[in-house]
Amino acid sequence: MTKSEKSKSKDLTGQQFGKWTVTGPHTQRSSNGGMFWRCKCECGQNGKISSTSLIRGKSTQCWFCGRQATRKRFCAQGHDTELWGRTSSYSCRACLRDKHLRSHYGITLEEFFVIYDFQKGLCAACKKPLGDYRPGKPGYGNGCRIEVDHEHGTKKPKKDTVRGLLCGGRWAGCNRKLGRIDKIDWLTNVLEYLKEPPAQSALRRKET
C-alpha cells in the first residue's frame, strides 16, 4: 500500500492538526478518490480538508485564523488597527471613516480631529460634550453623537462649506435643529423675534 493509499484509509476522527480538530469523514471524495474530513477550527469555523493536507501540514487552521495571523497591526495609511479595529472583510475602520469624510465633506480624518480639538470636544452650538471617536481616549464611546455641519446649496468646494461639529441624533441635536439654515440674516431676525415677540407687543399696545 502506498503512502497516499494509507492516508486515504486512515481514520483521522478526533485527531488534531494545528488548530483543526477532525470531527468525522466527509461524503465528498477527491478526483483520485482521496478522503476529505470535516474539521473544526479552534475559533469555531468549520472546514472540509483532505487527508493529505492534514497529514502533511498543508492546512493547520481556517482562513479566518490565517488572515488574523498574517495581518499587519498598522494599515497602509498608518492607522493602528488594534485600536480602530477592522470590519469582517478586514477593512481598516479608520480608513473607512476617512473615506466617508473625504467623500461627503472634503476633509480628512486628521482634519476632523483638528476641528474637534479646536472646539475642545464640545458642540459648537450648545457646548455639550461630544463623543471622542479616537479609540483609547477618555471620551471614546461617551458624549453626544458628532455631526459635521456644512453649508447647503452652494458651489463652494466641499471643504470650504464645513462650519463645525455639532451634536446630533436621529430626532434631536443641534445639527437637526439647524437643518438647512444657512442665512445669517434669517437667524438674526429670528433672534429679534424671540426677544420681542410681535404678538405680545401688539396686545400691550391694544391695552393702552
Protein backbone atom coordinates (compact mmCIF):
# COMPACT_ATOMS: atom_id res chain seq x y z
CA MET A 1 0.00 0.00 0.00
CA THR A 2 1.38 3.41 -0.96
CA LYS A 3 1.64 6.38 1.40
CA SER A 4 -1.20 8.04 -0.46
CA GLU A 5 -3.43 4.99 -0.06
CA LYS A 6 -2.65 4.83 3.65
CA SER A 7 -3.73 8.47 4.07
CA LYS A 8 -7.00 7.65 2.30
CA SER A 9 -7.87 4.75 4.56
CA LYS A 10 -6.63 6.03 7.93
CA ASP A 11 -9.36 7.23 10.28
CA LEU A 12 -8.45 10.71 11.46
CA THR A 13 -11.56 11.31 13.54
CA GLY A 14 -10.75 13.01 16.85
CA GLN A 15 -7.18 13.88 15.87
CA GLN A 16 -5.85 17.43 15.96
CA PHE A 17 -3.76 19.04 13.24
CA GLY A 18 -2.69 22.54 14.24
CA LYS A 19 -5.93 24.34 15.11
CA TRP A 20 -8.04 21.79 13.24
CA THR A 21 -9.86 19.01 15.08
CA VAL A 22 -11.24 16.28 12.83
CA THR A 23 -14.90 15.59 13.61
CA GLY A 24 -15.51 12.90 11.02
CA PRO A 25 -15.24 11.84 7.36
CA HIS A 26 -16.85 13.92 4.62
CA THR A 27 -19.00 12.28 1.99
CA GLN A 28 -17.17 14.02 -0.85
CA ARG A 29 -14.09 12.45 -2.44
CA SER A 30 -11.31 14.00 -4.50
CA SER A 31 -10.89 13.24 -8.20
CA ASN A 32 -8.42 10.45 -7.36
CA GLY A 33 -10.62 9.02 -4.61
CA GLY A 34 -8.86 10.71 -1.70
CA MET A 35 -10.69 11.33 1.58
CA PHE A 36 -11.98 14.66 2.83
CA TRP A 37 -12.59 15.28 6.52
CA ARG A 38 -14.99 17.52 8.38
CA CYS A 39 -12.87 19.69 10.66
CA LYS A 40 -13.50 22.36 13.25
CA CYS A 41 -11.02 25.15 13.95
CA GLU A 42 -10.31 26.48 17.45
CA CYS A 43 -12.17 29.68 16.52
CA GLY A 44 -15.31 27.70 15.69
CA GLN A 45 -15.09 27.79 11.89
CA ASN A 46 -15.85 24.54 10.07
CA GLY A 47 -13.92 23.23 7.10
CA LYS A 48 -13.55 20.36 4.63
CA ILE A 49 -9.90 19.31 4.45
CA SER A 50 -8.21 16.47 2.57
CA SER A 51 -6.23 13.76 4.36
CA THR A 52 -3.05 14.80 2.57
CA SER A 53 -3.39 18.45 3.60
CA LEU A 54 -3.90 17.48 7.23
CA ILE A 55 -1.17 14.84 7.48
CA ARG A 56 1.45 16.85 5.57
CA GLY A 57 0.67 20.06 7.47
CA LYS A 58 -0.53 21.97 4.43
CA SER A 59 -3.64 23.06 6.33
CA THR A 60 -3.38 23.85 10.04
CA GLN A 61 -6.14 26.44 10.53
CA CYS A 62 -9.13 28.08 8.88
CA TRP A 63 -8.82 31.04 6.50
CA PHE A 64 -10.02 33.43 9.23
CA CYS A 65 -7.26 32.45 11.66
CA GLY A 66 -4.78 32.54 8.80
CA ARG A 67 -5.73 36.11 7.98
CA GLN A 68 -5.58 37.06 11.65
CA ALA A 69 -2.08 35.67 11.96
CA THR A 70 -0.69 37.38 8.87
CA ARG A 71 -2.41 40.76 9.01
CA LYS A 72 -0.33 43.77 9.97
CA ARG A 73 -1.13 45.88 13.01
CA PHE A 74 -0.88 49.11 11.03
CA CYS A 75 -2.79 49.59 7.79
CA ALA A 76 -1.31 51.11 4.65
CA GLN A 77 -2.32 54.57 5.88
CA GLY A 78 -0.61 54.05 9.24
CA HIS A 79 -3.72 53.58 11.39
CA ASP A 80 -3.32 51.26 14.38
CA THR A 81 -5.92 48.58 13.61
CA GLU A 82 -5.62 47.10 17.09
CA LEU A 83 -7.18 50.33 18.34
CA TRP A 84 -9.50 51.20 15.46
CA GLY A 85 -10.40 47.64 14.59
CA ARG A 86 -11.28 46.07 11.25
CA THR A 87 -14.52 45.09 9.58
CA SER A 88 -15.47 41.49 8.83
CA SER A 89 -13.81 41.97 5.43
CA TYR A 90 -10.61 43.22 7.15
CA SER A 91 -11.00 46.83 6.06
CA CYS A 92 -9.48 49.35 8.46
CA ARG A 93 -12.29 51.21 10.24
CA ALA A 94 -10.24 54.41 10.43
CA CYS A 95 -9.71 54.32 6.65
CA LEU A 96 -13.45 53.86 6.10
CA ARG A 97 -14.22 56.87 8.30
CA ASP A 98 -11.56 58.89 6.48
CA LYS A 99 -13.07 57.90 3.13
CA HIS A 100 -16.55 58.96 4.30
CA LEU A 101 -15.31 62.38 5.47
CA ARG A 102 -13.41 62.99 2.23
CA SER A 103 -16.38 61.98 0.10
CA HIS A 104 -19.06 63.97 1.93
CA TYR A 105 -17.21 66.95 3.37
CA GLY A 106 -13.82 67.16 1.65
CA ILE A 107 -11.88 66.84 4.92
CA THR A 108 -9.60 64.09 6.17
CA LEU A 109 -9.91 62.17 9.42
CA GLU A 110 -6.91 64.13 10.71
CA GLU A 111 -8.60 67.45 9.85
CA PHE A 112 -11.78 66.24 11.56
CA PHE A 113 -9.85 65.86 14.81
CA VAL A 114 -8.17 69.26 14.32
CA ILE A 115 -11.68 70.77 14.36
CA TYR A 116 -12.70 68.56 17.28
CA ASP A 117 -9.72 69.66 19.38
CA PHE A 118 -10.23 73.33 18.42
CA GLN A 119 -13.80 73.06 19.77
CA LYS A 120 -12.38 71.36 22.88
CA GLY A 121 -14.64 68.37 22.28
CA LEU A 122 -17.82 70.45 22.67
CA CYS A 123 -20.76 71.06 20.37
CA ALA A 124 -20.13 74.39 18.64
CA ALA A 125 -23.72 75.48 19.35
CA CYS A 126 -24.93 74.19 22.73
CA LYS A 127 -21.49 73.37 24.20
CA LYS A 128 -22.47 69.86 25.26
CA PRO A 129 -19.61 67.33 25.34
CA LEU A 130 -19.25 65.38 22.11
CA GLY A 131 -18.12 61.77 21.98
CA ASP A 132 -14.49 61.15 21.06
CA TYR A 133 -14.08 58.89 18.02
CA ARG A 134 -10.43 58.17 18.79
CA PRO A 135 -10.04 54.75 20.44
CA GLY A 136 -8.11 54.86 23.70
CA LYS A 137 -9.24 58.40 24.54
CA PRO A 138 -11.15 59.05 27.80
CA GLY A 139 -14.27 60.18 25.94
CA TYR A 140 -14.37 57.29 23.48
CA GLY A 141 -17.89 55.96 23.18
CA ASN A 142 -19.32 58.63 25.50
CA GLY A 143 -20.94 62.00 24.95
CA CYS A 144 -23.24 63.10 22.13
CA ARG A 145 -23.14 61.82 18.59
CA ILE A 146 -20.99 64.03 16.36
CA GLU A 147 -22.30 65.56 13.14
CA VAL A 148 -20.30 67.59 10.63
CA ASP A 149 -22.25 70.76 9.92
CA HIS A 150 -21.81 72.35 6.49
CA GLU A 151 -23.44 74.86 4.17
CA HIS A 152 -26.00 73.63 1.67
CA GLY A 153 -26.90 74.80 -1.80
CA THR A 154 -23.53 76.34 -2.58
CA LYS A 155 -20.99 75.83 -5.33
CA LYS A 156 -18.04 76.17 -2.96
CA PRO A 157 -15.57 73.28 -2.68
CA LYS A 158 -16.80 70.77 -0.10
CA LYS A 159 -14.05 71.59 2.38
CA ASP A 160 -14.96 75.30 2.32
CA THR A 161 -18.56 74.54 3.29
CA VAL A 162 -17.68 72.85 6.61
CA ARG A 163 -18.69 75.06 9.54
CA GLY A 164 -18.02 72.91 12.59
CA LEU A 165 -19.04 69.91 14.64
CA LEU A 166 -22.48 69.76 16.26
CA CYS A 167 -24.25 67.29 18.50
CA GLY A 168 -26.64 65.14 16.56
CA GLY A 169 -29.05 62.28 16.54
CA ARG A 170 -31.99 60.99 14.59
CA TRP A 171 -34.63 63.05 16.37
CA ALA A 172 -32.64 65.63 18.32
CA GLY A 173 -29.42 67.57 18.46
CA CYS A 174 -28.22 70.95 17.22
CA ASN A 175 -27.42 69.62 13.78
CA ARG A 176 -31.04 68.58 13.26
CA LYS A 177 -32.34 71.87 14.69
CA LEU A 178 -30.12 73.92 12.44
CA GLY A 179 -31.18 71.86 9.45
CA ARG A 180 -30.75 73.78 6.22
CA ILE A 181 -30.49 77.22 7.80
CA ASP A 182 -27.60 78.93 6.03
CA LYS A 183 -28.56 82.62 6.05
CA ILE A 184 -27.23 84.67 8.96
CA ASP A 185 -29.82 87.42 8.32
CA TRP A 186 -32.61 84.93 8.89
CA LEU A 187 -31.08 83.79 12.18
CA THR A 188 -30.63 87.41 13.29
CA ASN A 189 -34.30 88.12 12.56
CA VAL A 190 -35.33 85.00 14.50
CA LEU A 191 -33.26 86.17 17.48
CA GLU A 192 -35.00 89.54 17.46
CA TYR A 193 -38.34 87.76 17.09
CA LEU A 194 -37.71 85.67 20.20
CA LYS A 195 -36.50 88.66 22.22
CA GLU A 196 -39.53 90.78 21.30
CA PRO A 197 -42.49 88.65 20.14
CA PRO A 198 -44.74 90.87 17.97
CA ALA A 199 -47.93 89.35 19.35
CA GLN A 200 -47.13 90.49 22.88
CA SER A 201 -46.18 93.97 21.69
CA ALA A 202 -49.41 94.26 19.73
CA LEU A 203 -51.54 93.14 22.67
CA ARG A 204 -49.83 95.52 25.07
CA ARG A 205 -50.42 98.41 22.64
CA LYS A 206 -54.10 97.50 22.41
CA GLU A 207 -54.47 97.59 26.18
CA THR A 208 -53.05 101.14 26.48
